[in-house]
Amino acid sequence: MIDRKFKVGDFVKTENGSIGIVAWTENKYINCPLEAGCLGIDLQTHSRGFVASVKEDKCVKSSISEIVDWYGNKVKDAERRLHDAQFKKIDAERLRKENDALKNLLSVVYL
């Protein structure tokens, strides 16, 4: 029996500072058995995959403050994308109205 430091659902921090959630400890589809000592960490893509092969011994448990900061950054990013989408919708609506006005003007001019 192999003794694992981490289990699925644990928050870990990689040696490059990325924080992620352990999604799997064994992946038979890519020939990564438990003996390989790799973790599948959901980093930014939320795909339950990993960006690069992450060895278990290159990770440490993440602290609560790091997790709070990580989630705070995710919330800020989501709010920014929502804000950008709202302005894009407003701009699209303005352009649609301008196009309608131009069509009306052109139909009057060419009558």
PDB file of N, CA and C in Angstrom:
ATOM      1  N   MET A   1       0.842  -1.188   0.000  1.00  0.00           N
ATOM      2  CA  MET A   1       0.000   0.000   0.000  1.00  0.00           C
ATOM      3  C   MET A   1       0.882   1.245   0.000  1.00  0.00           C
ATOM      4  N   ILE A   2       0.584   2.166  -0.877  1.00  0.00           N
ATOM      5  CA  ILE A   2       1.350   3.401  -0.993  1.00  0.00           C
ATOM      6  C   ILE A   2       0.720   4.459  -0.094  1.00  0.00           C
ATOM      7  N   ASP A   3       1.559   5.098   0.706  1.00  0.00           N
ATOM      8  CA  ASP A   3       1.093   6.141   1.606  1.00  0.00           C
ATOM      9  C   ASP A   3       1.178   7.481   0.885  1.00  0.00           C
ATOM     10  N   ARG A   4       0.028   8.118   0.659  1.00  0.00           N
ATOM     11  CA  ARG A   4      -0.018   9.391  -0.042  1.00  0.00           C
ATOM     12  C   ARG A   4      -0.101  10.531   0.952  1.00  0.00           C
ATOM     13  N   LYS A   5       0.606  11.625   0.640  1.00  0.00           N
ATOM     14  CA  LYS A   5       0.543  12.824   1.465  1.00  0.00           C
ATOM     15  C   LYS A   5      -0.785  13.555   1.282  1.00  0.00           C
ATOM     16  N   PHE A   6      -1.296  13.513   0.056  1.00  0.00           N
ATOM     17  CA  PHE A   6      -2.489  14.281  -0.285  1.00  0.00           C
ATOM     18  C   PHE A   6      -3.575  13.356  -0.803  1.00  0.00           C
ATOM     19  N   LYS A   7      -4.807  13.808  -0.641  1.00  0.00           N
ATOM     20  CA  LYS A   7      -5.941  13.064  -1.194  1.00  0.00           C
ATOM     21  C   LYS A   7      -6.754  14.014  -2.073  1.00  0.00           C
ATOM     22  N   VAL A   8      -7.653  13.458  -2.854  1.00  0.00           N
ATOM     23  CA  VAL A   8      -8.495  14.257  -3.734  1.00  0.00           C
ATOM     24  C   VAL A   8      -9.269  15.283  -2.906  1.00  0.00           C
ATOM     25  N   GLY A   9      -9.249  16.534  -3.366  1.00  0.00           N
ATOM     26  CA  GLY A   9      -9.943  17.612  -2.669  1.00  0.00           C
ATOM     27  C   GLY A   9      -9.030  18.486  -1.819  1.00  0.00           C
ATOM     28  N   ASP A  10      -7.799  18.026  -1.548  1.00  0.00           N
ATOM     29  CA  ASP A  10      -6.852  18.834  -0.770  1.00  0.00           C
ATOM     30  C   ASP A  10      -6.388  20.046  -1.587  1.00  0.00           C
ATOM     31  N   PHE A  11      -6.177  21.161  -0.896  1.00  0.00           N
ATOM     32  CA  PHE A  11      -5.573  22.330  -1.523  1.00  0.00           C
ATOM     33  C   PHE A  11      -4.067  22.203  -1.369  1.00  0.00           C
ATOM     34  N   VAL A  12      -3.353  22.332  -2.477  1.00  0.00           N
ATOM     35  CA  VAL A  12      -1.900  22.239  -2.437  1.00  0.00           C
ATOM     36  C   VAL A  12      -1.290  23.427  -3.164  1.00  0.00           C
ATOM     37  N   LYS A  13      -0.036  23.670  -2.832  1.00  0.00           N
ATOM     38  CA  LYS A  13       0.733  24.727  -3.483  1.00  0.00           C
ATOM     39  C   LYS A  13       1.943  24.061  -4.121  1.00  0.00           C
ATOM     40  N   THR A  14       2.145  24.326  -5.420  1.00  0.00           N
ATOM     41  CA  THR A  14       3.275  23.735  -6.125  1.00  0.00           C
ATOM     42  C   THR A  14       4.522  24.569  -5.873  1.00  0.00           C
ATOM     43  N   GLU A  15       5.662  24.041  -6.285  1.00  0.00           N
ATOM     44  CA  GLU A  15       6.916  24.763  -6.037  1.00  0.00           C
ATOM     45  C   GLU A  15       6.996  26.081  -6.793  1.00  0.00           C
ATOM     46  N   ASN A  16       6.198  26.253  -7.867  1.00  0.00           N
ATOM     47  CA  ASN A  16       6.214  27.538  -8.581  1.00  0.00           C
ATOM     48  C   ASN A  16       5.197  28.525  -8.009  1.00  0.00           C
ATOM     49  N   GLY A  17       4.493  28.144  -6.937  1.00  0.00           N
ATOM     50  CA  GLY A  17       3.579  29.049  -6.252  1.00  0.00           C
ATOM     51  C   GLY A  17       2.130  28.928  -6.656  1.00  0.00           C
ATOM     52  N   SER A  18       1.822  28.072  -7.625  1.00  0.00           N
ATOM     53  CA  SER A  18       0.433  27.888  -8.045  1.00  0.00           C
ATOM     54  C   SER A  18      -0.334  27.107  -6.985  1.00  0.00           C
ATOM     55  N   ILE A  19      -1.552  27.554  -6.714  1.00  0.00           N
ATOM     56  CA  ILE A  19      -2.417  26.853  -5.764  1.00  0.00           C
ATOM     57  C   ILE A  19      -3.494  26.148  -6.567  1.00  0.00           C
ATOM     58  N   GLY A  20      -3.765  24.920  -6.200  1.00  0.00           N
ATOM     59  CA  GLY A  20      -4.793  24.160  -6.891  1.00  0.00           C
ATOM     60  C   GLY A  20      -5.403  23.113  -5.987  1.00  0.00           C
ATOM     61  N   ILE A  21      -6.393  22.436  -6.523  1.00  0.00           N
ATOM     62  CA  ILE A  21      -7.106  21.387  -5.792  1.00  0.00           C
ATOM     63  C   ILE A  21      -6.721  20.050  -6.409  1.00  0.00           C
ATOM     64  N   VAL A  22      -6.369  19.091  -5.569  1.00  0.00           N
ATOM     65  CA  VAL A  22      -6.018  17.766  -6.067  1.00  0.00           C
ATOM     66  C   VAL A  22      -7.283  17.130  -6.648  1.00  0.00           C
ATOM     67  N   ALA A  23      -7.214  16.806  -7.944  1.00  0.00           N
ATOM     68  CA  ALA A  23      -8.376  16.220  -8.624  1.00  0.00           C
ATOM     69  C   ALA A  23      -8.237  14.710  -8.724  1.00  0.00           C
ATOM     70  N   TRP A  24      -7.009  14.206  -8.833  1.00  0.00           N
ATOM     71  CA  TRP A  24      -6.796  12.763  -8.872  1.00  0.00           C
ATOM     72  C   TRP A  24      -5.397  12.431  -8.383  1.00  0.00           C
ATOM     73  N   THR A  25      -5.235  11.236  -7.864  1.00  0.00           N
ATOM     74  CA  THR A  25      -3.930  10.758  -7.423  1.00  0.00           C
ATOM     75  C   THR A  25      -3.456   9.586  -8.270  1.00  0.00           C
ATOM     76  N   GLU A  26      -4.341   9.090  -9.120  1.00  0.00           N
ATOM     77  CA  GLU A  26      -3.986   8.024 -10.050  1.00  0.00           C
ATOM     78  C   GLU A  26      -4.770   8.268 -11.335  1.00  0.00           C
ATOM     79  N   ASN A  27      -4.082   8.161 -12.475  1.00  0.00           N
ATOM     80  CA  ASN A  27      -4.749   8.361 -13.754  1.00  0.00           C
ATOM     81  C   ASN A  27      -4.280   7.284 -14.713  1.00  0.00           C
ATOM     82  N   LYS A  28      -5.086   6.267 -14.886  1.00  0.00           N
ATOM     83  CA  LYS A  28      -4.717   5.137 -15.738  1.00  0.00           C
ATOM     84  C   LYS A  28      -4.755   5.492 -17.208  1.00  0.00           C
ATOM     85  N   TYR A  29      -5.512   6.543 -17.568  1.00  0.00           N
ATOM     86  CA  TYR A  29      -5.652   6.914 -18.979  1.00  0.00           C
ATOM     87  C   TYR A  29      -4.355   7.467 -19.567  1.00  0.00           C
ATOM     88  N   ILE A  30      -3.550   8.117 -18.747  1.00  0.00           N
ATOM     89  CA  ILE A  30      -2.271   8.627 -19.253  1.00  0.00           C
ATOM     90  C   ILE A  30      -1.106   7.845 -18.654  1.00  0.00           C
ATOM     91  N   ASN A  31      -1.386   6.654 -18.196  1.00  0.00           N
ATOM     92  CA  ASN A  31      -0.369   5.773 -17.634  1.00  0.00           C
ATOM     93  C   ASN A  31       0.369   6.442 -16.476  1.00  0.00           C
ATOM     94  N   CYS A  32      -0.396   6.936 -15.532  1.00  0.00           N
ATOM     95  CA  CYS A  32       0.173   7.582 -14.358  1.00  0.00           C
ATOM     96  C   CYS A  32      -0.391   6.891 -13.113  1.00  0.00           C
ATOM     97  N   PRO A  33       0.167   5.730 -12.759  1.00  0.00           N
ATOM     98  CA  PRO A  33      -0.359   4.986 -11.609  1.00  0.00           C
ATOM     99  C   PRO A  33       0.056   5.645 -10.294  1.00  0.00           C
ATOM    100  N   LEU A  34      -0.467   5.133  -9.196  1.00  0.00           N
ATOM    101  CA  LEU A  34      -0.119   5.655  -7.870  1.00  0.00           C
ATOM    102  C   LEU A  34       1.386   5.650  -7.630  1.00  0.00           C
ATOM    103  N   GLU A  35       2.055   4.625  -8.140  1.00  0.00           N
ATOM    104  CA  GLU A  35       3.501   4.493  -7.914  1.00  0.00           C
ATOM    105  C   GLU A  35       4.296   5.652  -8.516  1.00  0.00           C
ATOM    106  N   ALA A  36       3.730   6.331  -9.527  1.00  0.00           N
ATOM    107  CA  ALA A  36       4.444   7.443 -10.173  1.00  0.00           C
ATOM    108  C   ALA A  36       4.543   8.650  -9.250  1.00  0.00           C
ATOM    109  N   GLY A  37       3.660   8.738  -8.284  1.00  0.00           N
ATOM    110  CA  GLY A  37       3.710   9.837  -7.320  1.00  0.00           C
ATOM    111  C   GLY A  37       3.293  11.178  -7.881  1.00  0.00           C
ATOM    112  N   CYS A  38       2.478  11.187  -8.932  1.00  0.00           N
ATOM    113  CA  CYS A  38       2.012  12.436  -9.527  1.00  0.00           C
ATOM    114  C   CYS A  38       0.607  12.765  -9.042  1.00  0.00           C
ATOM    115  N   LEU A  39       0.300  14.048  -9.081  1.00  0.00           N
ATOM    116  CA  LEU A  39      -1.028  14.524  -8.713  1.00  0.00           C
ATOM    117  C   LEU A  39      -1.631  15.252  -9.903  1.00  0.00           C
ATOM    118  N   GLY A  40      -2.914  15.062 -10.108  1.00  0.00           N
ATOM    119  CA  GLY A  40      -3.643  15.882 -11.068  1.00  0.00           C
ATOM    120  C   GLY A  40      -4.226  17.047 -10.307  1.00  0.00           C
ATOM    121  N   ILE A  41      -3.755  18.244 -10.620  1.00  0.00           N
ATOM    122  CA  ILE A  41      -4.186  19.419  -9.875  1.00  0.00           C
ATOM    123  C   ILE A  41      -4.968  20.338 -10.790  1.00  0.00           C
ATOM    124  N   ASP A  42      -6.163  20.685 -10.357  1.00  0.00           N
ATOM    125  CA  ASP A  42      -7.018  21.618 -11.071  1.00  0.00           C
ATOM    126  C   ASP A  42      -6.489  23.014 -10.766  1.00  0.00           C
ATOM    127  N   LEU A  43      -5.754  23.599 -11.724  1.00  0.00           N
ATOM    128  CA  LEU A  43      -5.147  24.905 -11.477  1.00  0.00           C
ATOM    129  C   LEU A  43      -6.038  26.037 -11.964  1.00  0.00           C
ATOM    130  N   GLN A  44      -5.948  26.392 -13.240  1.00  0.00           N
ATOM    131  CA  GLN A  44      -6.755  27.500 -13.734  1.00  0.00           C
ATOM    132  C   GLN A  44      -7.879  27.048 -14.644  1.00  0.00           C
ATOM    133  N   THR A  45      -7.749  25.902 -15.244  1.00  0.00           N
ATOM    134  CA  THR A  45      -8.697  25.500 -16.274  1.00  0.00           C
ATOM    135  C   THR A  45      -9.948  24.848 -15.722  1.00  0.00           C
ATOM    136  N   HIS A  46      -9.930  24.425 -14.492  1.00  0.00           N
ATOM    137  CA  HIS A  46     -11.057  23.712 -13.874  1.00  0.00           C
ATOM    138  C   HIS A  46     -11.465  22.502 -14.717  1.00  0.00           C
ATOM    139  N   SER A  47     -10.478  21.873 -15.349  1.00  0.00           N
ATOM    140  CA  SER A  47     -10.753  20.730 -16.217  1.00  0.00           C
ATOM    141  C   SER A  47     -10.493  19.412 -15.507  1.00  0.00           C
ATOM    142  N   ARG A  48     -10.127  19.480 -14.250  1.00  0.00           N
ATOM    143  CA  ARG A  48      -9.734  18.291 -13.494  1.00  0.00           C
ATOM    144  C   ARG A  48      -8.483  17.662 -14.092  1.00  0.00           C
ATOM    145  N   GLY A  49      -7.694  18.466 -14.747  1.00  0.00           N
ATOM    146  CA  GLY A  49      -6.434  18.014 -15.315  1.00  0.00           C
ATOM    147  C   GLY A  49      -5.283  18.721 -14.626  1.00  0.00           C
ATOM    148  N   PHE A  50      -4.133  18.689 -15.254  1.00  0.00           N
ATOM    149  CA  PHE A  50      -3.010  19.410 -14.685  1.00  0.00           C
ATOM    150  C   PHE A  50      -2.241  20.087 -15.795  1.00  0.00           C
ATOM    151  N   VAL A  51      -1.584  21.182 -15.452  1.00  0.00           N
ATOM    152  CA  VAL A  51      -0.845  21.959 -16.429  1.00  0.00           C
ATOM    153  C   VAL A  51       0.422  21.230 -16.832  1.00  0.00           C
ATOM    154  N   ALA A  52       1.125  20.699 -15.893  1.00  0.00           N
ATOM    155  CA  ALA A  52       2.335  19.924 -16.151  1.00  0.00           C
ATOM    156  C   ALA A  52       2.392  18.836 -15.090  1.00  0.00           C
ATOM    157  N   SER A  53       3.186  17.838 -15.341  1.00  0.00           N
ATOM    158  CA  SER A  53       3.291  16.751 -14.375  1.00  0.00           C
ATOM    159  C   SER A  53       3.735  17.314 -13.031  1.00  0.00           C
ATOM    160  N   VAL A  54       2.917  17.098 -12.022  1.00  0.00           N
ATOM    161  CA  VAL A  54       3.216  17.629 -10.697  1.00  0.00           C
ATOM    162  C   VAL A  54       3.486  16.453  -9.763  1.00  0.00           C
ATOM    163  N   LYS A  55       4.717  16.363  -9.315  1.00  0.00           N
ATOM    164  CA  LYS A  55       5.084  15.300  -8.381  1.00  0.00           C
ATOM    165  C   LYS A  55       4.602  15.675  -6.990  1.00  0.00           C
ATOM    166  N   GLU A  56       4.133  14.670  -6.274  1.00  0.00           N
ATOM    167  CA  GLU A  56       3.612  14.901  -4.932  1.00  0.00           C
ATOM    168  C   GLU A  56       4.656  15.525  -4.014  1.00  0.00           C
ATOM    169  N   ASP A  57       5.913  15.119  -4.144  1.00  0.00           N
ATOM    170  CA  ASP A  57       6.948  15.653  -3.253  1.00  0.00           C
ATOM    171  C   ASP A  57       7.330  17.092  -3.584  1.00  0.00           C
ATOM    172  N   LYS A  58       6.806  17.649  -4.673  1.00  0.00           N
ATOM    173  CA  LYS A  58       7.060  19.048  -5.039  1.00  0.00           C
ATOM    174  C   LYS A  58       5.929  19.955  -4.569  1.00  0.00           C
ATOM    175  N   CYS A  59       4.977  19.403  -3.816  1.00  0.00           N
ATOM    176  CA  CYS A  59       3.825  20.164  -3.331  1.00  0.00           C
ATOM    177  C   CYS A  59       3.814  20.213  -1.812  1.00  0.00           C
ATOM    178  N   VAL A  60       3.198  21.259  -1.305  1.00  0.00           N
ATOM    179  CA  VAL A  60       2.964  21.381   0.130  1.00  0.00           C
ATOM    180  C   VAL A  60       1.498  21.741   0.324  1.00  0.00           C
ATOM    181  N   LYS A  61       0.974  21.456   1.512  1.00  0.00           N
ATOM    182  CA  LYS A  61      -0.410  21.860   1.800  1.00  0.00           C
ATOM    183  C   LYS A  61      -0.478  23.375   1.795  1.00  0.00           C
ATOM    184  N   SER A  62      -1.533  23.881   1.241  1.00  0.00           N
ATOM    185  CA  SER A  62      -1.713  25.320   1.165  1.00  0.00           C
ATOM    186  C   SER A  62      -2.306  25.834   2.477  1.00  0.00           C
ATOM    187  N   SER A  63      -1.894  27.031   2.879  1.00  0.00           N
ATOM    188  CA  SER A  63      -2.416  27.611   4.116  1.00  0.00           C
ATOM    189  C   SER A  63      -3.797  28.214   3.864  1.00  0.00           C
ATOM    190  N   ILE A  64      -4.534  28.436   4.924  1.00  0.00           N
ATOM    191  CA  ILE A  64      -5.869  29.019   4.824  1.00  0.00           C
ATOM    192  C   ILE A  64      -5.803  30.407   4.186  1.00  0.00           C
ATOM    193  N   SER A  65      -4.834  31.226   4.577  1.00  0.00           N
ATOM    194  CA  SER A  65      -4.756  32.582   4.013  1.00  0.00           C
ATOM    195  C   SER A  65      -4.459  32.539   2.515  1.00  0.00           C
ATOM    196  N   GLU A  66      -3.645  31.596   2.075  1.00  0.00           N
ATOM    197  CA  GLU A  66      -3.366  31.462   0.646  1.00  0.00           C
ATOM    198  C   GLU A  66      -4.614  31.041  -0.116  1.00  0.00           C
ATOM    199  N   ILE A  67      -5.409  30.161   0.487  1.00  0.00           N
ATOM    200  CA  ILE A  67      -6.647  29.710  -0.154  1.00  0.00           C
ATOM    201  C   ILE A  67      -7.636  30.871  -0.253  1.00  0.00           C
ATOM    202  N   VAL A  68      -7.745  31.653   0.822  1.00  0.00           N
ATOM    203  CA  VAL A  68      -8.650  32.804   0.819  1.00  0.00           C
ATOM    204  C   VAL A  68      -8.218  33.794  -0.269  1.00  0.00           C
ATOM    205  N   ASP A  69      -6.920  34.060  -0.359  1.00  0.00           N
ATOM    206  CA  ASP A  69      -6.419  34.959  -1.401  1.00  0.00           C
ATOM    207  C   ASP A  69      -6.694  34.397  -2.785  1.00  0.00           C
ATOM    208  N   TRP A  70      -6.508  33.087  -2.944  1.00  0.00           N
ATOM    209  CA  TRP A  70      -6.727  32.425  -4.236  1.00  0.00           C
ATOM    210  C   TRP A  70      -8.185  32.577  -4.668  1.00  0.00           C
ATOM    211  N   TYR A  71      -9.118  32.281  -3.740  1.00  0.00           N
ATOM    212  CA  TYR A  71     -10.536  32.429  -4.060  1.00  0.00           C
ATOM    213  C   TYR A  71     -10.905  33.898  -4.267  1.00  0.00           C
ATOM    214  N   GLY A  72     -10.295  34.792  -3.505  1.00  0.00           N
ATOM    215  CA  GLY A  72     -10.542  36.228  -3.687  1.00  0.00           C
ATOM    216  C   GLY A  72     -10.142  36.677  -5.083  1.00  0.00           C
ATOM    217  N   ASN A  73      -9.003  36.191  -5.563  1.00  0.00           N
ATOM    218  CA  ASN A  73      -8.563  36.532  -6.914  1.00  0.00           C
ATOM    219  C   ASN A  73      -9.509  35.960  -7.959  1.00  0.00           C
ATOM    220  N   LYS A  74     -10.020  34.744  -7.714  1.00  0.00           N
ATOM    221  CA  LYS A  74     -10.981  34.138  -8.643  1.00  0.00           C
ATOM    222  C   LYS A  74     -12.263  34.974  -8.702  1.00  0.00           C
ATOM    223  N   VAL A  75     -12.738  35.453  -7.548  1.00  0.00           N
ATOM    224  CA  VAL A  75     -13.950  36.269  -7.503  1.00  0.00           C
ATOM    225  C   VAL A  75     -13.710  37.590  -8.236  1.00  0.00           C
ATOM    226  N   LYS A  76     -12.569  38.233  -7.991  1.00  0.00           N
ATOM    227  CA  LYS A  76     -12.249  39.492  -8.666  1.00  0.00           C
ATOM    228  C   LYS A  76     -12.194  39.297 -10.182  1.00  0.00           C
ATOM    229  N   ASP A  77     -11.603  38.198 -10.617  1.00  0.00           N
ATOM    230  CA  ASP A  77     -11.513  37.918 -12.048  1.00  0.00           C
ATOM    231  C   ASP A  77     -12.906  37.719 -12.647  1.00  0.00           C
ATOM    232  N   ALA A  78     -13.763  36.990 -11.949  1.00  0.00           N
ATOM    233  CA  ALA A  78     -15.129  36.769 -12.432  1.00  0.00           C
ATOM    234  C   ALA A  78     -15.900  38.081 -12.486  1.00  0.00           C
ATOM    235  N   GLU A  79     -15.734  38.926 -11.473  1.00  0.00           N
ATOM    236  CA  GLU A  79     -16.414  40.224 -11.466  1.00  0.00           C
ATOM    237  C   GLU A  79     -15.925  41.100 -12.618  1.00  0.00           C
ATOM    238  N   ARG A  80     -14.626  41.072 -12.897  1.00  0.00           N
ATOM    239  CA  ARG A  80     -14.065  41.856 -13.996  1.00  0.00           C
ATOM    240  C   ARG A  80     -14.629  41.386 -15.334  1.00  0.00           C
ATOM    241  N   ARG A  81     -14.704  40.050 -15.515  1.00  0.00           N
ATOM    242  CA  ARG A  81     -15.241  39.524 -16.775  1.00  0.00           C
ATOM    243  C   ARG A  81     -16.715  39.876 -16.931  1.00  0.00           C
ATOM    244  N   LEU A  82     -17.468  39.843 -15.840  1.00  0.00           N
ATOM    245  CA  LEU A  82     -18.875  40.223 -15.885  1.00  0.00           C
ATOM    246  C   LEU A  82     -19.021  41.699 -16.244  1.00  0.00           C
ATOM    247  N   HIS A  83     -18.217  42.533 -15.628  1.00  0.00           N
ATOM    248  CA  HIS A  83     -18.230  43.968 -15.897  1.00  0.00           C
ATOM    249  C   HIS A  83     -17.901  44.226 -17.369  1.00  0.00           C
ATOM    250  N   ASP A  84     -16.876  43.563 -17.891  1.00  0.00           N
ATOM    251  CA  ASP A  84     -16.502  43.716 -19.304  1.00  0.00           C
ATOM    252  C   ASP A  84     -17.634  43.268 -20.222  1.00  0.00           C
ATOM    253  N   ALA A  85     -18.291  42.178 -19.881  1.00  0.00           N
ATOM    254  CA  ALA A  85     -19.391  41.665 -20.704  1.00  0.00           C
ATOM    255  C   ALA A  85     -20.563  42.642 -20.711  1.00  0.00           C
ATOM    256  N   GLN A  86     -20.826  43.273 -19.570  1.00  0.00           N
ATOM    257  CA  GLN A  86     -21.920  44.245 -19.506  1.00  0.00           C
ATOM    258  C   GLN A  86     -21.640  45.434 -20.419  1.00  0.00           C
ATOM    259  N   PHE A  87     -20.390  45.921 -20.424  1.00  0.00           N
ATOM    260  CA  PHE A  87     -20.049  47.048 -21.283  1.00  0.00           C
ATOM    261  C   PHE A  87     -20.069  46.647 -22.757  1.00  0.00           C
ATOM    262  N   LYS A  88     -19.679  45.427 -23.064  1.00  0.00           N
ATOM    263  CA  LYS A  88     -19.744  44.959 -24.448  1.00  0.00           C
ATOM    264  C   LYS A  88     -21.196  44.895 -24.912  1.00  0.00           C
ATOM    265  N   LYS A  89     -22.093  44.483 -24.029  1.00  0.00           N
ATOM    266  CA  LYS A  89     -23.513  44.423 -24.382  1.00  0.00           C
ATOM    267  C   LYS A  89     -24.054  45.827 -24.625  1.00  0.00           C
ATOM    268  N   ILE A  90     -23.679  46.777 -23.786  1.00  0.00           N
ATOM    269  CA  ILE A  90     -24.118  48.160 -23.955  1.00  0.00           C
ATOM    270  C   ILE A  90     -23.598  48.721 -25.274  1.00  0.00           C
ATOM    271  N   ASP A  91     -22.326  48.463 -25.585  1.00  0.00           N
ATOM    272  CA  ASP A  91     -21.739  48.931 -26.843  1.00  0.00           C
ATOM    273  C   ASP A  91     -22.430  48.294 -28.040  1.00  0.00           C
ATOM    274  N   ALA A  92     -22.738  47.010 -27.950  1.00  0.00           N
ATOM    275  CA  ALA A  92     -23.414  46.321 -29.049  1.00  0.00           C
ATOM    276  C   ALA A  92     -24.804  46.901 -29.276  1.00  0.00           C
ATOM    277  N   GLU A  93     -25.510  47.192 -28.221  1.00  0.00           N
ATOM    278  CA  GLU A  93     -26.850  47.777 -28.332  1.00  0.00           C
ATOM    279  C   GLU A  93     -26.770  49.176 -28.954  1.00  0.00           C
ATOM    280  N   ARG A  94     -25.781  49.960 -28.549  1.00  0.00           N
ATOM    281  CA  ARG A  94     -25.595  51.298 -29.117  1.00  0.00           C
ATOM    282  C   ARG A  94     -25.308  51.203 -30.615  1.00  0.00           C
ATOM    283  N   LEU A  95     -24.433  50.276 -31.009  1.00  0.00           N
ATOM    284  CA  LEU A  95     -24.120  50.090 -32.418  1.00  0.00           C
ATOM    285  C   LEU A  95     -25.343  49.623 -33.215  1.00  0.00           C
ATOM    286  N   ARG A  96     -26.152  48.769 -32.626  1.00  0.00           N
ATOM    287  CA  ARG A  96     -27.360  48.310 -33.306  1.00  0.00           C
ATOM    288  C   ARG A  96     -28.291  49.479 -33.569  1.00  0.00           C
ATOM    289  N   LYS A  97     -28.462  50.357 -32.585  1.00  0.00           N
ATOM    290  CA  LYS A  97     -29.324  51.532 -32.760  1.00  0.00           C
ATOM    291  C   LYS A  97     -28.770  52.471 -33.824  1.00  0.00           C
ATOM    292  N   GLU A  98     -27.451  52.667 -33.827  1.00  0.00           N
ATOM    293  CA  GLU A  98     -26.826  53.510 -34.848  1.00  0.00           C
ATOM    294  C   GLU A  98     -27.030  52.916 -36.236  1.00  0.00           C
ATOM    295  N   ASN A  99     -26.874  51.607 -36.359  1.00  0.00           N
ATOM    296  CA  ASN A  99     -27.074  50.942 -37.646  1.00  0.00           C
ATOM    297  C   ASN A  99     -28.513  51.085 -38.121  1.00  0.00           C
ATOM    298  N   ASP A 100     -29.468  50.945 -37.211  1.00  0.00           N
ATOM    299  CA  ASP A 100     -30.874  51.116 -37.575  1.00  0.00           C
ATOM    300  C   ASP A 100     -31.140  52.548 -38.054  1.00  0.00           C
ATOM    301  N   ALA A 101     -30.564  53.517 -37.366  1.00  0.00           N
ATOM    302  CA  ALA A 101     -30.738  54.915 -37.762  1.00  0.00           C
ATOM    303  C   ALA A 101     -30.116  55.168 -39.134  1.00  0.00           C
ATOM    304  N   LEU A 102     -28.950  54.611 -39.380  1.00  0.00           N
ATOM    305  CA  LEU A 102     -28.303  54.772 -40.689  1.00  0.00           C
ATOM    306  C   LEU A 102     -29.114  54.115 -41.801  1.00  0.00           C
ATOM    307  N   LYS A 103     -29.669  52.948 -41.536  1.00  0.00           N
ATOM    308  CA  LYS A 103     -30.517  52.273 -42.533  1.00  0.00           C
ATOM    309  C   LYS A 103     -31.724  53.138 -42.869  1.00  0.00           C
ATOM    310  N   ASN A 104     -32.344  53.699 -41.832  1.00  0.00           N
ATOM    311  CA  ASN A 104     -33.497  54.575 -42.059  1.00  0.00           C
ATOM    312  C   ASN A 104     -33.103  55.808 -42.858  1.00  0.00           C
ATOM    313  N   LEU A 105     -31.979  56.396 -42.527  1.00  0.00           N
ATOM    314  CA  LEU A 105     -31.502  57.574 -43.238  1.00  0.00           C
ATOM    315  C   LEU A 105     -31.223  57.250 -44.705  1.00  0.00           C
ATOM    316  N   LEU A 106     -30.548  56.122 -44.923  1.00  0.00           N
ATOM    317  CA  LEU A 106     -30.238  55.738 -46.303  1.00  0.00           C
ATOM    318  C   LEU A 106     -31.500  55.413 -47.098  1.00  0.00           C
ATOM    319  N   SER A 107     -32.483  54.818 -46.463  1.00  0.00           N
ATOM    320  CA  SER A 107     -33.721  54.509 -47.182  1.00  0.00           C
ATOM    321  C   SER A 107     -34.458  55.792 -47.561  1.00  0.00           C
ATOM    322  N   VAL A 108     -34.370  56.840 -46.740  1.00  0.00           N
ATOM    323  CA  VAL A 108     -35.005  58.118 -47.041  1.00  0.00           C
ATOM    324  C   VAL A 108     -34.239  58.822 -48.155  1.00  0.00           C
ATOM    325  N   VAL A 109     -32.918  58.804 -48.109  1.00  0.00           N
ATOM    326  CA  VAL A 109     -32.085  59.497 -49.087  1.00  0.00           C
ATOM    327  C   VAL A 109     -32.248  58.874 -50.475  1.00  0.00           C
ATOM    328  N   TYR A 110     -32.335  57.557 -50.577  1.00  0.00           N
ATOM    329  CA  TYR A 110     -32.390  56.881 -51.853  1.00  0.00           C
ATOM    330  C   TYR A 110     -33.812  56.624 -52.356  1.00  0.00           C
ATOM    331  N   LEU A 111     -34.800  57.226 -51.761  1.00  0.00           N
ATOM    332  CA  LEU A 111     -36.183  57.081 -52.230  1.00  0.00           C
ATOM    333  C   LEU A 111     -36.475  57.928 -53.395  1.00  0.00           C
TER     334      LEU A 111
END
